[in-house]
Amino acid sequence: MFRTTQSVTEIRRWAESRDGRPCRDEGSGRIGIALPGEPCEAREVGWDEFEVTFRVTGCVFLYEDAPGSCRLFVGSPDDARAWMRVACPPAARP
């Protein structure tokens, strides 16, 4: 099941339980979570920088909470809705 949050404490707990770390894309300036084994063109940042950027830009964090799941999205609420339409189309939802 997908969940959404704006709690950086919850994001950090989810990310660290999957060996994820906060990062920022050099080109766009977008923040995200880098997970092991995934290609990442971003540079790592600290949780403090992640939190400030996350709050200032009004981001939301969507994530699948199933054990071991690594599906996530960090971005604006509008972009999150668009991502969900692709990641989990209505026909595939329970």
Protein backbone atom coordinates (compact mmCIF):
# COMPACT_ATOMS: atom_id res chain seq x y z
CA MET A 1 0.00 0.00 0.00
CA PHE A 2 1.25 3.48 -0.85
CA ARG A 3 1.42 6.11 1.84
CA THR A 4 2.20 9.80 1.76
CA THR A 5 3.90 11.94 4.36
CA GLN A 6 5.53 15.28 4.95
CA SER A 7 7.28 14.04 8.09
CA VAL A 8 11.03 14.01 7.54
CA THR A 9 11.35 11.73 10.58
CA GLU A 10 9.13 9.16 8.87
CA ILE A 11 10.99 9.58 5.57
CA ARG A 12 14.32 9.10 7.29
CA ARG A 13 13.11 5.99 9.12
CA TRP A 14 11.82 4.48 5.86
CA ALA A 15 14.96 5.38 3.89
CA GLU A 16 17.48 4.24 6.48
CA SER A 17 15.69 0.91 6.94
CA ARG A 18 16.49 0.35 3.23
CA ASP A 19 20.02 1.80 3.35
CA GLY A 20 18.77 4.90 1.53
CA ARG A 21 20.35 8.31 1.82
CA PRO A 22 19.21 11.82 0.91
CA CYS A 23 20.55 13.30 -2.32
CA ARG A 24 20.17 16.25 -4.66
CA ASP A 25 20.24 16.21 -8.46
CA GLU A 26 22.97 18.61 -9.60
CA GLY A 27 21.14 19.66 -12.75
CA SER A 28 17.62 20.28 -11.49
CA GLY A 29 18.28 20.84 -7.79
CA ARG A 30 15.58 18.28 -6.91
CA ILE A 31 16.02 16.27 -3.76
CA GLY A 32 15.42 12.56 -3.51
CA ILE A 33 16.37 9.35 -1.77
CA ALA A 34 19.16 7.26 -3.28
CA LEU A 35 18.78 3.54 -2.68
CA PRO A 36 21.49 0.89 -3.02
CA GLY A 37 21.89 -0.65 -6.45
CA GLU A 38 20.15 2.16 -8.31
CA PRO A 39 22.04 4.48 -10.63
CA CYS A 40 22.12 7.97 -9.18
CA GLU A 41 23.34 11.11 -10.88
CA ALA A 42 22.89 13.04 -7.65
CA ARG A 43 25.21 14.06 -4.88
CA GLU A 44 24.56 12.99 -1.33
CA VAL A 45 23.35 15.65 1.08
CA GLY A 46 22.74 15.56 4.81
CA TRP A 47 19.33 15.10 6.38
CA ASP A 48 19.39 18.73 7.53
CA GLU A 49 19.73 20.02 3.94
CA PHE A 50 17.12 17.51 2.76
CA GLU A 51 14.65 18.66 5.44
CA VAL A 52 15.05 22.38 4.70
CA THR A 53 14.65 21.87 0.95
CA PHE A 54 11.74 19.46 1.45
CA ARG A 55 9.85 21.95 3.62
CA VAL A 56 10.66 25.10 1.63
CA THR A 57 9.61 23.56 -1.69
CA GLY A 58 6.43 21.99 -0.27
CA CYS A 59 7.34 18.44 -1.23
CA VAL A 60 5.51 15.27 -0.33
CA PHE A 61 6.96 11.78 0.00
CA LEU A 62 5.05 8.84 -1.45
CA TYR A 63 6.27 5.39 -0.57
CA GLU A 64 5.20 1.80 -0.55
CA ASP A 65 5.23 0.55 3.03
CA ALA A 66 5.40 -3.19 2.31
CA PRO A 67 8.46 -4.84 3.87
CA GLY A 68 11.38 -4.63 1.47
CA SER A 69 9.59 -2.34 -0.97
CA CYS A 70 11.69 0.41 -2.50
CA ARG A 71 9.09 2.33 -4.55
CA LEU A 72 9.14 6.02 -3.70
CA PHE A 73 8.57 9.52 -5.00
CA VAL A 74 9.71 12.91 -3.70
CA GLY A 75 8.23 16.04 -5.25
CA SER A 76 5.31 18.42 -5.46
CA PRO A 77 1.79 17.21 -4.67
CA ASP A 78 0.80 17.66 -8.35
CA ASP A 79 3.80 15.66 -9.56
CA ALA A 80 3.05 13.00 -6.93
CA ARG A 81 -0.50 12.58 -8.25
CA ALA A 82 0.83 12.22 -11.79
CA TRP A 83 3.42 9.68 -10.61
CA MET A 84 0.73 7.64 -8.86
CA ARG A 85 -1.39 7.51 -12.04
CA VAL A 86 1.56 5.83 -13.77
CA ALA A 87 2.93 3.78 -10.85
CA CYS A 88 -0.45 2.46 -9.76
CA PRO A 89 -3.20 3.01 -12.35
CA PRO A 90 -6.82 2.79 -11.09
CA ALA A 91 -7.31 -0.66 -12.66
CA ALA A 92 -4.41 -2.00 -10.58
CA ARG A 93 -5.61 -0.51 -7.28
CA PRO A 94 -7.46 -2.73 -4.83
